[in-house]
Amino acid sequence: MPEAVPAKPLTYDVERDGERAVVKCHGRLVLGVTDGFYEEIKGVISGSKAVVLDLEDLTYVDSMGLGTLTRLYVHARGAGCEFKLLHLGKQVRNLLKLTNLFGVLATAEDHGISVG
């Protein structure tokens, strides 16, 4: 019997609109995928004035995922790029509030940014 291949925990699509990029995330941002995700989005930040992570389809974030979001925010800020989160799910919102990062990683909705 062939072994089942585990589903990739995270997928994402990058949509560019001029100097703004929207990264739509799907799945789970967890240990094992965070390094690759960080490197990819770091490259997106380098070519953008604003990056919005749309987390509507993100189902779970662990401590490594939270660290990755924080690292991306710090990198973006250092590169002069606006970095915002959009469509926070309950788990992500609670995690950001619990760690006092909610105010730092302000949601895009709070700044009039929308996707679509």
PDB file of N, CA and C in Angstrom:
ATOM      1  N   MET A   1       0.847  -1.184   0.000  1.00  0.00           N
ATOM      2  CA  MET A   1       0.000   0.000   0.000  1.00  0.00           C
ATOM      3  C   MET A   1       0.890   1.244   0.000  1.00  0.00           C
ATOM      4  N   PRO A   2       0.699   2.179  -0.933  1.00  0.00           N
ATOM      5  CA  PRO A   2       1.550   3.382  -0.979  1.00  0.00           C
ATOM      6  C   PRO A   2       1.286   4.290   0.213  1.00  0.00           C
ATOM      7  N   GLU A   3       2.361   4.950   0.633  1.00  0.00           N
ATOM      8  CA  GLU A   3       2.231   5.888   1.752  1.00  0.00           C
ATOM      9  C   GLU A   3       1.520   7.150   1.298  1.00  0.00           C
ATOM     10  N   ALA A   4       0.684   7.662   2.175  1.00  0.00           N
ATOM     11  CA  ALA A   4      -0.005   8.919   1.880  1.00  0.00           C
ATOM     12  C   ALA A   4       0.975  10.069   2.043  1.00  0.00           C
ATOM     13  N   VAL A   5       0.980  10.957   1.096  1.00  0.00           N
ATOM     14  CA  VAL A   5       1.837  12.135   1.167  1.00  0.00           C
ATOM     15  C   VAL A   5       1.087  13.189   1.974  1.00  0.00           C
ATOM     16  N   PRO A   6       1.699  13.684   3.066  1.00  0.00           N
ATOM     17  CA  PRO A   6       1.003  14.688   3.868  1.00  0.00           C
ATOM     18  C   PRO A   6       0.780  15.969   3.067  1.00  0.00           C
ATOM     19  N   ALA A   7      -0.352  16.580   3.310  1.00  0.00           N
ATOM     20  CA  ALA A   7      -0.676  17.837   2.635  1.00  0.00           C
ATOM     21  C   ALA A   7       0.281  18.925   3.092  1.00  0.00           C
ATOM     22  N   LYS A   8       0.667  19.772   2.165  1.00  0.00           N
ATOM     23  CA  LYS A   8       1.531  20.898   2.505  1.00  0.00           C
ATOM     24  C   LYS A   8       0.759  21.819   3.436  1.00  0.00           C
ATOM     25  N   PRO A   9       1.332  22.142   4.580  1.00  0.00           N
ATOM     26  CA  PRO A   9       0.576  22.923   5.555  1.00  0.00           C
ATOM     27  C   PRO A   9       0.342  24.377   5.161  1.00  0.00           C
ATOM     28  N   LEU A  10       1.129  24.911   4.228  1.00  0.00           N
ATOM     29  CA  LEU A  10       0.970  26.317   3.877  1.00  0.00           C
ATOM     30  C   LEU A  10       1.134  26.496   2.375  1.00  0.00           C
ATOM     31  N   THR A  11       0.194  27.223   1.790  1.00  0.00           N
ATOM     32  CA  THR A  11       0.341  27.680   0.416  1.00  0.00           C
ATOM     33  C   THR A  11       0.008  29.168   0.420  1.00  0.00           C
ATOM     34  N   TYR A  12       0.495  29.868  -0.587  1.00  0.00           N
ATOM     35  CA  TYR A  12       0.220  31.302  -0.664  1.00  0.00           C
ATOM     36  C   TYR A  12       0.369  31.772  -2.097  1.00  0.00           C
ATOM     37  N   ASP A  13      -0.377  32.808  -2.403  1.00  0.00           N
ATOM     38  CA  ASP A  13      -0.346  33.431  -3.715  1.00  0.00           C
ATOM     39  C   ASP A  13       0.034  34.890  -3.531  1.00  0.00           C
ATOM     40  N   VAL A  14       0.895  35.391  -4.389  1.00  0.00           N
ATOM     41  CA  VAL A  14       1.305  36.789  -4.338  1.00  0.00           C
ATOM     42  C   VAL A  14       0.686  37.515  -5.519  1.00  0.00           C
ATOM     43  N   GLU A  15      -0.079  38.563  -5.222  1.00  0.00           N
ATOM     44  CA  GLU A  15      -0.684  39.397  -6.256  1.00  0.00           C
ATOM     45  C   GLU A  15      -0.094  40.795  -6.135  1.00  0.00           C
ATOM     46  N   ARG A  16       0.441  41.286  -7.226  1.00  0.00           N
ATOM     47  CA  ARG A  16       1.048  42.621  -7.220  1.00  0.00           C
ATOM     48  C   ARG A  16       0.140  43.615  -7.924  1.00  0.00           C
ATOM     49  N   ASP A  17       0.073  44.795  -7.355  1.00  0.00           N
ATOM     50  CA  ASP A  17      -0.674  45.901  -7.941  1.00  0.00           C
ATOM     51  C   ASP A  17       0.213  47.132  -7.806  1.00  0.00           C
ATOM     52  N   GLY A  18       1.049  47.365  -8.800  1.00  0.00           N
ATOM     53  CA  GLY A  18       2.010  48.461  -8.713  1.00  0.00           C
ATOM     54  C   GLY A  18       3.050  48.158  -7.652  1.00  0.00           C
ATOM     55  N   GLU A  19       3.170  49.063  -6.698  1.00  0.00           N
ATOM     56  CA  GLU A  19       4.160  48.900  -5.631  1.00  0.00           C
ATOM     57  C   GLU A  19       3.570  48.238  -4.390  1.00  0.00           C
ATOM     58  N   ARG A  20       2.333  47.741  -4.503  1.00  0.00           N
ATOM     59  CA  ARG A  20       1.686  47.047  -3.390  1.00  0.00           C
ATOM     60  C   ARG A  20       1.564  45.571  -3.736  1.00  0.00           C
ATOM     61  N   ALA A  21       1.814  44.723  -2.754  1.00  0.00           N
ATOM     62  CA  ALA A  21       1.667  43.278  -2.941  1.00  0.00           C
ATOM     63  C   ALA A  21       0.715  42.738  -1.885  1.00  0.00           C
ATOM     64  N   VAL A  22      -0.155  41.837  -2.317  1.00  0.00           N
ATOM     65  CA  VAL A  22      -1.061  41.145  -1.406  1.00  0.00           C
ATOM     66  C   VAL A  22      -0.681  39.675  -1.438  1.00  0.00           C
ATOM     67  N   VAL A  23      -0.409  39.122  -0.257  1.00  0.00           N
ATOM     68  CA  VAL A  23      -0.047  37.716  -0.135  1.00  0.00           C
ATOM     69  C   VAL A  23      -1.221  37.004   0.524  1.00  0.00           C
ATOM     70  N   LYS A  24      -1.895  36.147  -0.239  1.00  0.00           N
ATOM     71  CA  LYS A  24      -3.036  35.391   0.285  1.00  0.00           C
ATOM     72  C   LYS A  24      -2.530  34.048   0.790  1.00  0.00           C
ATOM     73  N   CYS A  25      -2.670  33.831   2.100  1.00  0.00           N
ATOM     74  CA  CYS A  25      -2.160  32.624   2.744  1.00  0.00           C
ATOM     75  C   CYS A  25      -3.276  31.607   2.958  1.00  0.00           C
ATOM     76  N   HIS A  26      -2.935  30.332   2.792  1.00  0.00           N
ATOM     77  CA  HIS A  26      -3.888  29.241   2.960  1.00  0.00           C
ATOM     78  C   HIS A  26      -3.222  28.136   3.775  1.00  0.00           C
ATOM     79  N   GLY A  27      -3.933  27.597   4.753  1.00  0.00           N
ATOM     80  CA  GLY A  27      -3.406  26.465   5.505  1.00  0.00           C
ATOM     81  C   GLY A  27      -2.889  26.848   6.870  1.00  0.00           C
ATOM     82  N   ARG A  28      -1.705  26.305   7.198  1.00  0.00           N
ATOM     83  CA  ARG A  28      -1.135  26.460   8.530  1.00  0.00           C
ATOM     84  C   ARG A  28       0.281  27.025   8.447  1.00  0.00           C
ATOM     85  N   LEU A  29       0.528  28.083   9.195  1.00  0.00           N
ATOM     86  CA  LEU A  29       1.865  28.677   9.266  1.00  0.00           C
ATOM     87  C   LEU A  29       2.532  28.105  10.515  1.00  0.00           C
ATOM     88  N   VAL A  30       3.291  27.022  10.308  1.00  0.00           N
ATOM     89  CA  VAL A  30       3.843  26.263  11.426  1.00  0.00           C
ATOM     90  C   VAL A  30       5.300  25.885  11.165  1.00  0.00           C
ATOM     91  N   LEU A  31       5.938  25.371  12.201  1.00  0.00           N
ATOM     92  CA  LEU A  31       7.312  24.881  12.107  1.00  0.00           C
ATOM     93  C   LEU A  31       7.453  23.964  10.886  1.00  0.00           C
ATOM     94  N   GLY A  32       8.486  24.176  10.135  1.00  0.00           N
ATOM     95  CA  GLY A  32       8.738  23.362   8.954  1.00  0.00           C
ATOM     96  C   GLY A  32       8.491  24.120   7.657  1.00  0.00           C
ATOM     97  N   VAL A  33       7.645  25.141   7.703  1.00  0.00           N
ATOM     98  CA  VAL A  33       7.383  25.935   6.499  1.00  0.00           C
ATOM     99  C   VAL A  33       7.743  27.401   6.691  1.00  0.00           C
ATOM    100  N   THR A  34       8.059  27.783   7.912  1.00  0.00           N
ATOM    101  CA  THR A  34       8.264  29.197   8.211  1.00  0.00           C
ATOM    102  C   THR A  34       9.503  29.785   7.538  1.00  0.00           C
ATOM    103  N   ASP A  35      10.585  29.040   7.477  1.00  0.00           N
ATOM    104  CA  ASP A  35      11.818  29.586   6.879  1.00  0.00           C
ATOM    105  C   ASP A  35      11.637  29.890   5.397  1.00  0.00           C
ATOM    106  N   GLY A  36      11.058  28.965   4.652  1.00  0.00           N
ATOM    107  CA  GLY A  36      10.822  29.182   3.234  1.00  0.00           C
ATOM    108  C   GLY A  36       9.854  30.329   2.989  1.00  0.00           C
ATOM    109  N   PHE A  37       8.809  30.396   3.809  1.00  0.00           N
ATOM    110  CA  PHE A  37       7.824  31.476   3.700  1.00  0.00           C
ATOM    111  C   PHE A  37       8.498  32.819   3.965  1.00  0.00           C
ATOM    112  N   TYR A  38       9.306  32.890   5.010  1.00  0.00           N
ATOM    113  CA  TYR A  38      10.005  34.127   5.355  1.00  0.00           C
ATOM    114  C   TYR A  38      10.879  34.595   4.192  1.00  0.00           C
ATOM    115  N   GLU A  39      11.672  33.689   3.635  1.00  0.00           N
ATOM    116  CA  GLU A  39      12.576  34.067   2.547  1.00  0.00           C
ATOM    117  C   GLU A  39      11.799  34.559   1.322  1.00  0.00           C
ATOM    118  N   GLU A  40      10.710  33.884   0.992  1.00  0.00           N
ATOM    119  CA  GLU A  40       9.902  34.283  -0.169  1.00  0.00           C
ATOM    120  C   GLU A  40       9.283  35.663   0.045  1.00  0.00           C
ATOM    121  N   ILE A  41       8.680  35.891   1.197  1.00  0.00           N
ATOM    122  CA  ILE A  41       7.994  37.161   1.457  1.00  0.00           C
ATOM    123  C   ILE A  41       9.000  38.282   1.660  1.00  0.00           C
ATOM    124  N   LYS A  42      10.169  37.969   2.176  1.00  0.00           N
ATOM    125  CA  LYS A  42      11.240  38.968   2.288  1.00  0.00           C
ATOM    126  C   LYS A  42      11.580  39.519   0.902  1.00  0.00           C
ATOM    127  N   GLY A  43      11.603  38.654  -0.101  1.00  0.00           N
ATOM    128  CA  GLY A  43      11.836  39.093  -1.467  1.00  0.00           C
ATOM    129  C   GLY A  43      10.702  39.960  -1.996  1.00  0.00           C
ATOM    130  N   VAL A  44       9.474  39.631  -1.626  1.00  0.00           N
ATOM    131  CA  VAL A  44       8.319  40.433  -2.026  1.00  0.00           C
ATOM    132  C   VAL A  44       8.417  41.823  -1.399  1.00  0.00           C
ATOM    133  N   ILE A  45       8.818  41.886  -0.148  1.00  0.00           N
ATOM    134  CA  ILE A  45       8.958  43.160   0.565  1.00  0.00           C
ATOM    135  C   ILE A  45       9.988  44.045  -0.137  1.00  0.00           C
ATOM    136  N   SER A  46      11.077  43.441  -0.591  1.00  0.00           N
ATOM    137  CA  SER A  46      12.153  44.210  -1.214  1.00  0.00           C
ATOM    138  C   SER A  46      11.684  44.990  -2.441  1.00  0.00           C
ATOM    139  N   GLY A  47      10.681  44.483  -3.145  1.00  0.00           N
ATOM    140  CA  GLY A  47      10.213  45.168  -4.340  1.00  0.00           C
ATOM    141  C   GLY A  47       8.898  45.901  -4.162  1.00  0.00           C
ATOM    142  N   SER A  48       8.521  46.188  -2.907  1.00  0.00           N
ATOM    143  CA  SER A  48       7.201  46.785  -2.655  1.00  0.00           C
ATOM    144  C   SER A  48       7.277  47.943  -1.674  1.00  0.00           C
ATOM    145  N   LYS A  49       6.312  48.848  -1.799  1.00  0.00           N
ATOM    146  CA  LYS A  49       6.148  49.933  -0.812  1.00  0.00           C
ATOM    147  C   LYS A  49       5.173  49.506   0.278  1.00  0.00           C
ATOM    148  N   ALA A  50       4.294  48.539  -0.032  1.00  0.00           N
ATOM    149  CA  ALA A  50       3.321  48.035   0.937  1.00  0.00           C
ATOM    150  C   ALA A  50       3.076  46.557   0.674  1.00  0.00           C
ATOM    151  N   VAL A  51       3.024  45.785   1.748  1.00  0.00           N
ATOM    152  CA  VAL A  51       2.718  44.361   1.668  1.00  0.00           C
ATOM    153  C   VAL A  51       1.595  44.070   2.651  1.00  0.00           C
ATOM    154  N   VAL A  52       0.546  43.428   2.143  1.00  0.00           N
ATOM    155  CA  VAL A  52      -0.592  43.034   2.968  1.00  0.00           C
ATOM    156  C   VAL A  52      -0.665  41.516   2.956  1.00  0.00           C
ATOM    157  N   LEU A  53      -0.651  40.911   4.145  1.00  0.00           N
ATOM    158  CA  LEU A  53      -0.852  39.470   4.247  1.00  0.00           C
ATOM    159  C   LEU A  53      -2.330  39.227   4.514  1.00  0.00           C
ATOM    160  N   ASP A  54      -2.999  38.590   3.585  1.00  0.00           N
ATOM    161  CA  ASP A  54      -4.409  38.243   3.727  1.00  0.00           C
ATOM    162  C   ASP A  54      -4.476  36.861   4.368  1.00  0.00           C
ATOM    163  N   LEU A  55      -4.904  36.822   5.626  1.00  0.00           N
ATOM    164  CA  LEU A  55      -4.887  35.588   6.412  1.00  0.00           C
ATOM    165  C   LEU A  55      -6.264  34.926   6.512  1.00  0.00           C
ATOM    166  N   GLU A  56      -7.166  35.275   5.621  1.00  0.00           N
ATOM    167  CA  GLU A  56      -8.534  34.751   5.686  1.00  0.00           C
ATOM    168  C   GLU A  56      -8.569  33.224   5.682  1.00  0.00           C
ATOM    169  N   ASP A  57      -7.726  32.583   4.888  1.00  0.00           N
ATOM    170  CA  ASP A  57      -7.726  31.127   4.790  1.00  0.00           C
ATOM    171  C   ASP A  57      -6.625  30.472   5.608  1.00  0.00           C
ATOM    172  N   LEU A  58      -5.991  31.226   6.495  1.00  0.00           N
ATOM    173  CA  LEU A  58      -4.975  30.662   7.378  1.00  0.00           C
ATOM    174  C   LEU A  58      -5.695  30.074   8.582  1.00  0.00           C
ATOM    175  N   THR A  59      -5.549  28.770   8.790  1.00  0.00           N
ATOM    176  CA  THR A  59      -6.317  28.104   9.837  1.00  0.00           C
ATOM    177  C   THR A  59      -5.602  28.014  11.178  1.00  0.00           C
ATOM    178  N   TYR A  60      -4.267  28.107  11.168  1.00  0.00           N
ATOM    179  CA  TYR A  60      -3.539  27.954  12.422  1.00  0.00           C
ATOM    180  C   TYR A  60      -2.154  28.569  12.300  1.00  0.00           C
ATOM    181  N   VAL A  61      -1.704  29.194  13.386  1.00  0.00           N
ATOM    182  CA  VAL A  61      -0.352  29.747  13.478  1.00  0.00           C
ATOM    183  C   VAL A  61       0.242  29.271  14.797  1.00  0.00           C
ATOM    184  N   ASP A  62       1.429  28.644  14.749  1.00  0.00           N
ATOM    185  CA  ASP A  62       2.097  28.252  15.990  1.00  0.00           C
ATOM    186  C   ASP A  62       3.125  29.326  16.367  1.00  0.00           C
ATOM    187  N   SER A  63       3.931  29.051  17.381  1.00  0.00           N
ATOM    188  CA  SER A  63       4.896  30.057  17.850  1.00  0.00           C
ATOM    189  C   SER A  63       5.926  30.401  16.782  1.00  0.00           C
ATOM    190  N   MET A  64       6.314  29.434  15.958  1.00  0.00           N
ATOM    191  CA  MET A  64       7.259  29.718  14.874  1.00  0.00           C
ATOM    192  C   MET A  64       6.603  30.600  13.814  1.00  0.00           C
ATOM    193  N   GLY A  65       5.333  30.359  13.551  1.00  0.00           N
ATOM    194  CA  GLY A  65       4.602  31.198  12.600  1.00  0.00           C
ATOM    195  C   GLY A  65       4.479  32.622  13.103  1.00  0.00           C
ATOM    196  N   LEU A  66       4.193  32.765  14.388  1.00  0.00           N
ATOM    197  CA  LEU A  66       4.107  34.094  14.993  1.00  0.00           C
ATOM    198  C   LEU A  66       5.457  34.808  14.906  1.00  0.00           C
ATOM    199  N   GLY A  67       6.523  34.069  15.179  1.00  0.00           N
ATOM    200  CA  GLY A  67       7.861  34.642  15.061  1.00  0.00           C
ATOM    201  C   GLY A  67       8.160  35.079  13.635  1.00  0.00           C
ATOM    202  N   THR A  68       7.685  34.321  12.669  1.00  0.00           N
ATOM    203  CA  THR A  68       7.895  34.655  11.267  1.00  0.00           C
ATOM    204  C   THR A  68       7.146  35.927  10.891  1.00  0.00           C
ATOM    205  N   LEU A  69       5.901  36.060  11.341  1.00  0.00           N
ATOM    206  CA  LEU A  69       5.144  37.289  11.079  1.00  0.00           C
ATOM    207  C   LEU A  69       5.859  38.496  11.681  1.00  0.00           C
ATOM    208  N   THR A  70       6.400  38.315  12.875  1.00  0.00           N
ATOM    209  CA  THR A  70       7.113  39.401  13.548  1.00  0.00           C
ATOM    210  C   THR A  70       8.394  39.751  12.795  1.00  0.00           C
ATOM    211  N   ARG A  71       9.139  38.744  12.367  1.00  0.00           N
ATOM    212  CA  ARG A  71      10.366  38.979  11.599  1.00  0.00           C
ATOM    213  C   ARG A  71      10.066  39.708  10.296  1.00  0.00           C
ATOM    214  N   LEU A  72       8.981  39.334   9.633  1.00  0.00           N
ATOM    215  CA  LEU A  72       8.601  39.998   8.389  1.00  0.00           C
ATOM    216  C   LEU A  72       8.242  41.457   8.637  1.00  0.00           C
ATOM    217  N   TYR A  73       7.544  41.720   9.724  1.00  0.00           N
ATOM    218  CA  TYR A  73       7.197  43.094  10.086  1.00  0.00           C
ATOM    219  C   TYR A  73       8.471  43.912  10.298  1.00  0.00           C
ATOM    220  N   VAL A  74       9.422  43.369  11.047  1.00  0.00           N
ATOM    221  CA  VAL A  74      10.673  44.082  11.334  1.00  0.00           C
ATOM    222  C   VAL A  74      11.454  44.310  10.038  1.00  0.00           C
ATOM    223  N   HIS A  75      11.518  43.303   9.180  1.00  0.00           N
ATOM    224  CA  HIS A  75      12.227  43.454   7.907  1.00  0.00           C
ATOM    225  C   HIS A  75      11.567  44.534   7.047  1.00  0.00           C
ATOM    226  N   ALA A  76      10.245  44.497   6.969  1.00  0.00           N
ATOM    227  CA  ALA A  76       9.517  45.484   6.163  1.00  0.00           C
ATOM    228  C   ALA A  76       9.751  46.890   6.681  1.00  0.00           C
ATOM    229  N   ARG A  77       9.678  47.043   7.968  1.00  0.00           N
ATOM    230  CA  ARG A  77       9.881  48.359   8.576  1.00  0.00           C
ATOM    231  C   ARG A  77      11.277  48.891   8.262  1.00  0.00           C
ATOM    232  N   GLY A  78      12.270  48.017   8.345  1.00  0.00           N
ATOM    233  CA  GLY A  78      13.647  48.410   8.023  1.00  0.00           C
ATOM    234  C   GLY A  78      13.837  48.754   6.558  1.00  0.00           C
ATOM    235  N   ALA A  79      12.996  48.159   5.693  1.00  0.00           N
ATOM    236  CA  ALA A  79      13.087  48.412   4.249  1.00  0.00           C
ATOM    237  C   ALA A  79      12.185  49.570   3.813  1.00  0.00           C
ATOM    238  N   GLY A  80      11.508  50.211   4.775  1.00  0.00           N
ATOM    239  CA  GLY A  80      10.620  51.315   4.436  1.00  0.00           C
ATOM    240  C   GLY A  80       9.341  50.867   3.765  1.00  0.00           C
ATOM    241  N   CYS A  81       8.911  49.657   4.054  1.00  0.00           N
ATOM    242  CA  CYS A  81       7.724  49.070   3.440  1.00  0.00           C
ATOM    243  C   CYS A  81       6.629  48.935   4.501  1.00  0.00           C
ATOM    244  N   GLU A  82       5.421  49.348   4.152  1.00  0.00           N
ATOM    245  CA  GLU A  82       4.285  49.186   5.065  1.00  0.00           C
ATOM    246  C   GLU A  82       3.892  47.711   5.076  1.00  0.00           C
ATOM    247  N   PHE A  83       3.675  47.149   6.256  1.00  0.00           N
ATOM    248  CA  PHE A  83       3.354  45.725   6.410  1.00  0.00           C
ATOM    249  C   PHE A  83       2.116  45.594   7.276  1.00  0.00           C
ATOM    250  N   LYS A  84       1.060  45.007   6.719  1.00  0.00           N
ATOM    251  CA  LYS A  84      -0.203  44.889   7.449  1.00  0.00           C
ATOM    252  C   LYS A  84      -0.789  43.501   7.304  1.00  0.00           C
ATOM    253  N   LEU A  85      -1.629  43.141   8.256  1.00  0.00           N
ATOM    254  CA  LEU A  85      -2.352  41.874   8.236  1.00  0.00           C
ATOM    255  C   LEU A  85      -3.821  42.151   7.957  1.00  0.00           C
ATOM    256  N   LEU A  86      -4.438  41.286   7.170  1.00  0.00           N
ATOM    257  CA  LEU A  86      -5.836  41.449   6.777  1.00  0.00           C
ATOM    258  C   LEU A  86      -6.582  40.150   7.058  1.00  0.00           C
ATOM    259  N   HIS A  87      -7.830  40.274   7.471  1.00  0.00           N
ATOM    260  CA  HIS A  87      -8.715  39.128   7.717  1.00  0.00           C
ATOM    261  C   HIS A  87      -8.151  38.153   8.751  1.00  0.00           C
ATOM    262  N   LEU A  88      -7.908  38.642   9.944  1.00  0.00           N
ATOM    263  CA  LEU A  88      -7.398  37.779  11.002  1.00  0.00           C
ATOM    264  C   LEU A  88      -8.492  36.833  11.485  1.00  0.00           C
ATOM    265  N   GLY A  89      -8.171  35.555  11.540  1.00  0.00           N
ATOM    266  CA  GLY A  89      -9.079  34.574  12.114  1.00  0.00           C
ATOM    267  C   GLY A  89      -9.033  34.661  13.634  1.00  0.00           C
ATOM    268  N   LYS A  90      -9.941  33.976  14.274  1.00  0.00           N
ATOM    269  CA  LYS A  90     -10.042  34.024  15.739  1.00  0.00           C
ATOM    270  C   LYS A  90      -8.751  33.559  16.420  1.00  0.00           C
ATOM    271  N   GLN A  91      -8.174  32.451  15.936  1.00  0.00           N
ATOM    272  CA  GLN A  91      -6.957  31.917  16.564  1.00  0.00           C
ATOM    273  C   GLN A  91      -5.793  32.887  16.434  1.00  0.00           C
ATOM    274  N   VAL A  92      -5.618  33.469  15.260  1.00  0.00           N
ATOM    275  CA  VAL A  92      -4.511  34.408  15.034  1.00  0.00           C
ATOM    276  C   VAL A  92      -4.735  35.679  15.841  1.00  0.00           C
ATOM    277  N   ARG A  93      -5.955  36.186  15.830  1.00  0.00           N
ATOM    278  CA  ARG A  93      -6.277  37.393  16.599  1.00  0.00           C
ATOM    279  C   ARG A  93      -6.007  37.174  18.096  1.00  0.00           C
ATOM    280  N   ASN A  94      -6.437  36.036  18.630  1.00  0.00           N
ATOM    281  CA  ASN A  94      -6.207  35.735  20.043  1.00  0.00           C
ATOM    282  C   ASN A  94      -4.718  35.610  20.354  1.00  0.00           C
ATOM    283  N   LEU A  95      -3.974  34.978  19.458  1.00  0.00           N
ATOM    284  CA  LEU A  95      -2.531  34.820  19.649  1.00  0.00           C
ATOM    285  C   LEU A  95      -1.835  36.178  19.667  1.00  0.00           C
ATOM    286  N   LEU A  96      -2.220  37.064  18.762  1.00  0.00           N
ATOM    287  CA  LEU A  96      -1.619  38.403  18.729  1.00  0.00           C
ATOM    288  C   LEU A  96      -1.976  39.201  19.976  1.00  0.00           C
ATOM    289  N   LYS A  97      -3.199  39.061  20.452  1.00  0.00           N
ATOM    290  CA  LYS A  97      -3.598  39.770  21.674  1.00  0.00           C
ATOM    291  C   LYS A  97      -2.871  39.211  22.892  1.00  0.00           C
ATOM    292  N   LEU A  98      -2.758  37.884  22.964  1.00  0.00           N
ATOM    293  CA  LEU A  98      -2.098  37.234  24.090  1.00  0.00           C
ATOM    294  C   LEU A  98      -0.639  37.657  24.208  1.00  0.00           C
ATOM    295  N   THR A  99       0.017  37.868  23.064  1.00  0.00           N
ATOM    296  CA  THR A  99       1.436  38.226  23.053  1.00  0.00           C
ATOM    297  C   THR A  99       1.667  39.733  22.955  1.00  0.00           C
ATOM    298  N   ASN A 100       0.588  40.502  23.058  1.00  0.00           N
ATOM    299  CA  ASN A 100       0.657  41.963  22.967  1.00  0.00           C
ATOM    300  C   ASN A 100       1.224  42.455  21.635  1.00  0.00           C
ATOM    301  N   LEU A 101       1.043  41.677  20.577  1.00  0.00           N
ATOM    302  CA  LEU A 101       1.505  42.085  19.248  1.00  0.00           C
ATOM    303  C   LEU A 101       0.369  42.613  18.386  1.00  0.00           C
ATOM    304  N   PHE A 102      -0.840  42.555  18.873  1.00  0.00           N
ATOM    305  CA  PHE A 102      -1.982  42.997  18.090  1.00  0.00           C
ATOM    306  C   PHE A 102      -1.834  44.466  17.694  1.00  0.00           C
ATOM    307  N   GLY A 103      -1.445  45.304  18.625  1.00  0.00           N
ATOM    308  CA  GLY A 103      -1.276  46.731  18.342  1.00  0.00           C
ATOM    309  C   GLY A 103      -0.113  47.010  17.410  1.00  0.00           C
ATOM    310  N   VAL A 104       0.909  46.164  17.458  1.00  0.00           N
ATOM    311  CA  VAL A 104       2.088  46.348  16.610  1.00  0.00           C
ATOM    312  C   VAL A 104       1.787  45.924  15.182  1.00  0.00           C
ATOM    313  N   LEU A 105       1.199  44.754  15.031  1.00  0.00           N
ATOM    314  CA  LEU A 105       0.867  44.228  13.709  1.00  0.00           C
ATOM    315  C   LEU A 105      -0.577  44.583  13.386  1.00  0.00           C
ATOM    316  N   ALA A 106      -0.849  45.892  13.387  1.00  0.00           N
ATOM    317  CA  ALA A 106      -2.212  46.387  13.195  1.00  0.00           C
ATOM    318  C   ALA A 106      -2.808  45.821  11.905  1.00  0.00           C
ATOM    319  N   THR A 107      -4.084  45.549  11.949  1.00  0.00           N
ATOM    320  CA  THR A 107      -4.740  44.986  10.786  1.00  0.00           C
ATOM    321  C   THR A 107      -4.939  46.035   9.711  1.00  0.00           C
ATOM    322  N   ALA A 108      -4.937  45.580   8.486  1.00  0.00           N
ATOM    323  CA  ALA A 108      -5.099  46.473   7.347  1.00  0.00           C
ATOM    324  C   ALA A 108      -6.453  47.167   7.378  1.00  0.00           C
ATOM    325  N   GLU A 109      -7.470  46.494   7.918  1.00  0.00           N
ATOM    326  CA  GLU A 109      -8.796  47.096   7.987  1.00  0.00           C
ATOM    327  C   GLU A 109      -8.763  48.398   8.789  1.00  0.00           C
ATOM    328  N   ASP A 110      -7.883  48.452   9.786  1.00  0.00           N
ATOM    329  CA  ASP A 110      -7.766  49.643  10.623  1.00  0.00           C
ATOM    330  C   ASP A 110      -7.194  50.821   9.858  1.00  0.00           C
ATOM    331  N   HIS A 111      -6.610  50.567   8.693  1.00  0.00           N
ATOM    332  CA  HIS A 111      -5.960  51.630   7.928  1.00  0.00           C
ATOM    333  C   HIS A 111      -6.591  51.836   6.557  1.00  0.00           C
ATOM    334  N   GLY A 112      -7.804  51.341   6.396  1.00  0.00           N
ATOM    335  CA  GLY A 112      -8.523  51.564   5.149  1.00  0.00           C
ATOM    336  C   GLY A 112      -8.005  50.784   3.957  1.00  0.00           C
ATOM    337  N   ILE A 113      -7.232  49.745   4.198  1.00  0.00           N
ATOM    338  CA  ILE A 113      -6.715  48.932   3.109  1.00  0.00           C
ATOM    339  C   ILE A 113      -7.689  47.779   2.888  1.00  0.00           C
ATOM    340  N   SER A 114      -8.033  47.554   1.646  1.00  0.00           N
ATOM    341  CA  SER A 114      -8.891  46.422   1.348  1.00  0.00           C
ATOM    342  C   SER A 114      -8.346  45.672   0.139  1.00  0.00           C
ATOM    343  N   VAL A 115      -8.780  44.453  -0.008  1.00  0.00           N
ATOM    344  CA  VAL A 115      -8.362  43.631  -1.120  1.00  0.00           C
ATOM    345  C   VAL A 115      -9.551  43.417  -2.018  1.00  0.00           C
ATOM    346  N   GLY A 116      -9.339  43.553  -3.299  1.00  0.00           N
ATOM    347  CA  GLY A 116     -10.437  43.234  -4.211  1.00  0.00           C
ATOM    348  C   GLY A 116     -10.736  44.283  -5.204  1.00  0.00           C
TER     349      GLY A 116
END
